[in-house]
Amino acid sequence: MKLRIRGNSIRLRLLKSEVAELSEKGSVSETTDFGGSRFTYRLQSGSDRIGASFEGGTVTVTVPENEIYEWAETEEKIGIEGDSNGLKILIEKDFACPTRKDDPDNLDAFANPEAVCT
């Protein structure tokens, strides 16, 4: 899972295996160790609307279970977006990069709809 923070917005991008884990287990997370301090970001199902919180070094984004299921099971649905107290939240499927064919993430990424295949 990749996290991008810009201004008052966050974007999470998930590989196929992460979308499957989220759909099956109800959450997926990543942790970065800063030499003693840890930063974790988590996406989980729950609540009746999209939301986000930051406590104890952890960003938690919560999405209704039915939205996660629909997103995970539908190829055409690329993302989920919402707003939490003015924070813009976007959750997307991570597509393969056609210009970085050797990128190991491409093996677990979703097929890029913009890629021209021959």
C-alpha atoms as a PDB file:
ATOM      1  CA  MET A   1       0.000   0.000   0.000  1.00  0.00           C
ATOM      2  CA  LYS A   2       1.282   3.429  -0.880  1.00  0.00           C
ATOM      3  CA  LEU A   3       0.416   6.625   0.952  1.00  0.00           C
ATOM      4  CA  ARG A   4       0.581  10.092  -0.536  1.00  0.00           C
ATOM      5  CA  ILE A   5      -0.043  13.152   1.594  1.00  0.00           C
ATOM      6  CA  ARG A   6      -0.398  16.527  -0.037  1.00  0.00           C
ATOM      7  CA  GLY A   7      -1.837  19.524   1.738  1.00  0.00           C
ATOM      8  CA  ASN A   8      -5.138  18.526   3.275  1.00  0.00           C
ATOM      9  CA  SER A   9      -5.548  15.329   1.292  1.00  0.00           C
ATOM     10  CA  ILE A  10      -4.397  11.734   1.539  1.00  0.00           C
ATOM     11  CA  ARG A  11      -4.367   9.048  -1.128  1.00  0.00           C
ATOM     12  CA  LEU A  12      -3.899   5.335  -0.616  1.00  0.00           C
ATOM     13  CA  ARG A  13      -3.055   2.999  -3.501  1.00  0.00           C
ATOM     14  CA  LEU A  14      -3.428  -0.737  -3.047  1.00  0.00           C
ATOM     15  CA  LEU A  15      -2.025  -3.676  -4.995  1.00  0.00           C
ATOM     16  CA  LYS A  16      -4.212  -6.689  -5.851  1.00  0.00           C
ATOM     17  CA  SER A  17      -3.089  -8.707  -2.812  1.00  0.00           C
ATOM     18  CA  GLU A  18      -3.779  -5.739  -0.514  1.00  0.00           C
ATOM     19  CA  VAL A  19      -7.276  -5.249  -1.910  1.00  0.00           C
ATOM     20  CA  ALA A  20      -7.914  -8.973  -1.380  1.00  0.00           C
ATOM     21  CA  GLU A  21      -6.597  -8.775   2.210  1.00  0.00           C
ATOM     22  CA  LEU A  22      -8.763  -5.750   2.941  1.00  0.00           C
ATOM     23  CA  SER A  23     -11.830  -7.467   1.512  1.00  0.00           C
ATOM     24  CA  GLU A  24     -11.189 -10.748   3.361  1.00  0.00           C
ATOM     25  CA  LYS A  25      -9.801  -9.560   6.706  1.00  0.00           C
ATOM     26  CA  GLY A  26     -11.270  -6.078   7.007  1.00  0.00           C
ATOM     27  CA  SER A  27      -7.977  -4.185   7.226  1.00  0.00           C
ATOM     28  CA  VAL A  28      -4.562  -3.712   5.685  1.00  0.00           C
ATOM     29  CA  SER A  29      -1.649  -1.666   7.036  1.00  0.00           C
ATOM     30  CA  GLU A  30       1.962  -0.619   6.472  1.00  0.00           C
ATOM     31  CA  THR A  31       4.564   0.538   8.977  1.00  0.00           C
ATOM     32  CA  THR A  32       7.719   2.591   8.510  1.00  0.00           C
ATOM     33  CA  ASP A  33      10.387   2.476  11.216  1.00  0.00           C
ATOM     34  CA  PHE A  34      12.257   5.743  11.801  1.00  0.00           C
ATOM     35  CA  GLY A  35      14.910   4.259  14.080  1.00  0.00           C
ATOM     36  CA  GLY A  36      12.822   3.901  17.201  1.00  0.00           C
ATOM     37  CA  SER A  37       9.714   5.797  16.160  1.00  0.00           C
ATOM     38  CA  ARG A  38       7.148   4.021  14.037  1.00  0.00           C
ATOM     39  CA  PHE A  39       4.647   5.480  11.604  1.00  0.00           C
ATOM     40  CA  THR A  40       1.734   3.261  10.590  1.00  0.00           C
ATOM     41  CA  TYR A  41      -1.055   3.797   8.114  1.00  0.00           C
ATOM     42  CA  ARG A  42      -4.076   1.529   8.075  1.00  0.00           C
ATOM     43  CA  LEU A  43      -7.148   1.122   5.924  1.00  0.00           C
ATOM     44  CA  GLN A  44     -10.044  -0.720   7.532  1.00  0.00           C
ATOM     45  CA  SER A  45     -13.714  -1.414   7.132  1.00  0.00           C
ATOM     46  CA  GLY A  46     -16.220  -0.072   9.579  1.00  0.00           C
ATOM     47  CA  SER A  47     -18.318   2.972  10.346  1.00  0.00           C
ATOM     48  CA  ASP A  48     -21.155   4.214   8.178  1.00  0.00           C
ATOM     49  CA  ARG A  49     -19.089   6.765   6.233  1.00  0.00           C
ATOM     50  CA  ILE A  50     -15.515   7.348   5.159  1.00  0.00           C
ATOM     51  CA  GLY A  51     -13.336   8.854   7.873  1.00  0.00           C
ATOM     52  CA  ALA A  52      -9.775   9.310   9.065  1.00  0.00           C
ATOM     53  CA  SER A  53      -7.949   9.732  12.350  1.00  0.00           C
ATOM     54  CA  PHE A  54      -4.377  10.149  13.573  1.00  0.00           C
ATOM     55  CA  GLU A  55      -3.441   8.809  16.995  1.00  0.00           C
ATOM     56  CA  GLY A  56      -0.224   7.428  18.459  1.00  0.00           C
ATOM     57  CA  GLY A  57       1.709   7.624  15.194  1.00  0.00           C
ATOM     58  CA  THR A  58      -1.021   5.834  13.235  1.00  0.00           C
ATOM     59  CA  VAL A  59      -3.209   7.182  10.440  1.00  0.00           C
ATOM     60  CA  THR A  60      -6.388   5.132  10.231  1.00  0.00           C
ATOM     61  CA  VAL A  61      -8.756   5.485   7.301  1.00  0.00           C
ATOM     62  CA  THR A  62     -12.136   3.824   7.752  1.00  0.00           C
ATOM     63  CA  VAL A  63     -14.519   2.966   4.914  1.00  0.00           C
ATOM     64  CA  PRO A  64     -17.957   1.337   5.075  1.00  0.00           C
ATOM     65  CA  GLU A  65     -17.718  -2.418   4.518  1.00  0.00           C
ATOM     66  CA  ASN A  66     -20.206  -2.411   1.634  1.00  0.00           C
ATOM     67  CA  GLU A  67     -18.131   0.206  -0.244  1.00  0.00           C
ATOM     68  CA  ILE A  68     -14.963  -1.848   0.207  1.00  0.00           C
ATOM     69  CA  TYR A  69     -16.694  -5.004  -1.016  1.00  0.00           C
ATOM     70  CA  GLU A  70     -18.160  -3.278  -4.084  1.00  0.00           C
ATOM     71  CA  TRP A  71     -14.802  -1.669  -4.906  1.00  0.00           C
ATOM     72  CA  ALA A  72     -12.869  -4.918  -4.455  1.00  0.00           C
ATOM     73  CA  GLU A  73     -15.283  -6.991  -6.545  1.00  0.00           C
ATOM     74  CA  THR A  74     -15.792  -4.550  -9.439  1.00  0.00           C
ATOM     75  CA  GLU A  75     -13.083  -4.044 -12.052  1.00  0.00           C
ATOM     76  CA  GLU A  76     -14.677  -0.847 -13.326  1.00  0.00           C
ATOM     77  CA  LYS A  77     -14.681   0.830  -9.914  1.00  0.00           C
ATOM     78  CA  ILE A  78     -11.176   2.259  -9.568  1.00  0.00           C
ATOM     79  CA  GLY A  79     -11.469   4.303  -6.400  1.00  0.00           C
ATOM     80  CA  ILE A  80     -13.354   5.378  -3.341  1.00  0.00           C
ATOM     81  CA  GLU A  81     -13.337   9.003  -2.314  1.00  0.00           C
ATOM     82  CA  GLY A  82     -14.729  11.016   0.504  1.00  0.00           C
ATOM     83  CA  ASP A  83     -14.189  13.812   2.953  1.00  0.00           C
ATOM     84  CA  SER A  84     -13.573  13.712   6.702  1.00  0.00           C
ATOM     85  CA  ASN A  85     -13.759  17.071   8.470  1.00  0.00           C
ATOM     86  CA  GLY A  86     -12.247  18.822   5.450  1.00  0.00           C
ATOM     87  CA  LEU A  87      -9.611  16.140   4.771  1.00  0.00           C
ATOM     88  CA  LYS A  88      -9.974  14.805   1.234  1.00  0.00           C
ATOM     89  CA  ILE A  89      -9.514  11.016   1.106  1.00  0.00           C
ATOM     90  CA  LEU A  90      -8.927   8.961  -2.051  1.00  0.00           C
ATOM     91  CA  ILE A  91      -8.400   5.196  -2.111  1.00  0.00           C
ATOM     92  CA  GLU A  92      -7.380   3.671  -5.442  1.00  0.00           C
ATOM     93  CA  LYS A  93      -6.358   0.427  -7.053  1.00  0.00           C
ATOM     94  CA  ASP A  94      -2.668   0.593  -7.982  1.00  0.00           C
ATOM     95  CA  PHE A  95      -2.158   0.111 -11.714  1.00  0.00           C
ATOM     96  CA  ALA A  96       0.891  -1.368 -13.412  1.00  0.00           C
ATOM     97  CA  CYS A  97       3.272   1.250 -14.771  1.00  0.00           C
ATOM     98  CA  PRO A  98       3.769   0.635 -18.507  1.00  0.00           C
ATOM     99  CA  THR A  99       7.045   2.594 -18.598  1.00  0.00           C
ATOM    100  CA  ARG A 100       8.645   0.691 -15.684  1.00  0.00           C
ATOM    101  CA  LYS A 101       8.287  -2.861 -16.903  1.00  0.00           C
ATOM    102  CA  ASP A 102      10.872  -4.168 -14.375  1.00  0.00           C
ATOM    103  CA  ASP A 103       9.087  -2.673 -11.354  1.00  0.00           C
ATOM    104  CA  PRO A 104       8.330  -5.605  -8.980  1.00  0.00           C
ATOM    105  CA  ASP A 105       5.054  -3.915  -7.948  1.00  0.00           C
ATOM    106  CA  ASN A 106       3.813  -4.439 -11.505  1.00  0.00           C
ATOM    107  CA  LEU A 107       3.482  -8.180 -10.830  1.00  0.00           C
ATOM    108  CA  ASP A 108       0.796  -7.525  -8.196  1.00  0.00           C
ATOM    109  CA  ALA A 109      -0.706  -4.393  -9.742  1.00  0.00           C
ATOM    110  CA  PHE A 110      -3.991  -4.089 -11.568  1.00  0.00           C
ATOM    111  CA  ALA A 111      -3.904  -3.986 -15.372  1.00  0.00           C
ATOM    112  CA  ASN A 112      -3.469  -0.414 -16.513  1.00  0.00           C
ATOM    113  CA  PRO A 113      -6.493   0.601 -18.619  1.00  0.00           C
ATOM    114  CA  GLU A 114      -4.388   3.272 -20.355  1.00  0.00           C
ATOM    115  CA  ALA A 115      -1.663   0.828 -21.439  1.00  0.00           C
ATOM    116  CA  VAL A 116      -1.597  -0.114 -25.098  1.00  0.00           C
ATOM    117  CA  CYS A 117      -0.995  -3.833 -25.448  1.00  0.00           C
ATOM    118  CA  THR A 118       0.049  -5.474 -28.692  1.00  0.00           C
END
